[in-house]
Amino acid sequence: MAITLMEAKVGMVDKVDQQIVDMFRRSSQLLEGLTFDNSISPGTGGSTLTYGYIQLKSPATAAVRTVGSEYTPGEAKREKKTTGAVIMGGSFQVDRVLQNTAGTADEMAFQAEQKIKATANFFHNMAINGDGDEGGFDGLKKLLSGTANELTGTVSLTTSQELDDNYNAFLDEMDAFIASVDGTPDLLLMNRAMLIKLRSIARRAGYYERSQDDFGNFVETYAGIPMVDMGKYFDGEQSSDVIPTEDGKTAIYAVCLGLDGFHGISPLGTGVISCYMPDLESPGAVKTGEVELVAGVALKNTLKAAVLKDIAIGE
């Protein structure tokens, strides 16, 4: 069984729960697009959220043979892998006096929305940089490391002049990058600085379009593929790009979304997202609310995603 966040919302009776799910969808194009394989069962021990799957590492090949000869054997390569969902989110507290005197500025709703944005950014960071060896699940950086779909950029885009001089060469790199993916990618994931560069190149080439989604958010596309700013991740001390720019170089990730490619994982049922809002009429001066996302990602086929790294865009 599989479910999207939109489908999870339909199964909810509580209007507040539905609004929370919509906030997650509005906060993240990635979460909105992902299909979640909601088949994880904690088992009898109840202590793990492990998801097992078979990953296609390289497909089978075909060839010709002459009469009286045999084919050279060649098999598709698969690998048994495990990953796990992570319980992520947080709690917040609001004094009932502050809530009751907030007027049109609903303090509880504001704190819930901010916690949702933080949780969505945390998920973004895990989806790119997650390391299952340190707990949780592997992100795309690790999943694509050492594969044929880990490509390296050679074109410099550090200045406006270089954009003018080199955009045709970069278009060639983008063509090869997108072609390395089995199927047309559903999303191009990058940081804001890279999006600005790619937007400029798309405009020069006539590949740029912009529209609005159901939530009123602008969706920018490169050759029909949405360009997604993965935003910043706040670790409690500082905010850093989920997809960093290091030594003036950054990366773009391309993903095909679906259960045969890059998808989400979650526990059985429709509880990908849960919220716990307090009863404001009950005793207690300080009210506590919680927002929770139980999810991870898996890449069933390494040809369904790719990364173009070391793109020179400057500091």
Foldseek 3Di string as FASTA:
>chain_A
DKDALVRLLVPDDDPVQNVLSVLLVVLDVVSRPFIAPAAFDCPPVNPFRKDKDKAFQAQWDDDDDDPPDDDDDDHTDIDIDMFGWDKDFDKDKDFLVCQVPVPPNRPVVVVSSVRSNQRSLVQLLCQAPNDCVVPGGHHPVVVLPPGPQAAEDDQAAADPVSLVVCLVVVVVVVVVNQVLADDGFQEKEWAPLVVVSLQVSQVVVVQWDWDADPVRDIFIDGNNHTYDHSAWHDPPPDTAGSFHQDPQKTKMKTAHHDPQAKHKYHHPDSPQKDKAFDDSPDDDRMTMIIIIGTMHMDGRYSSRMHMHIGHHHGD
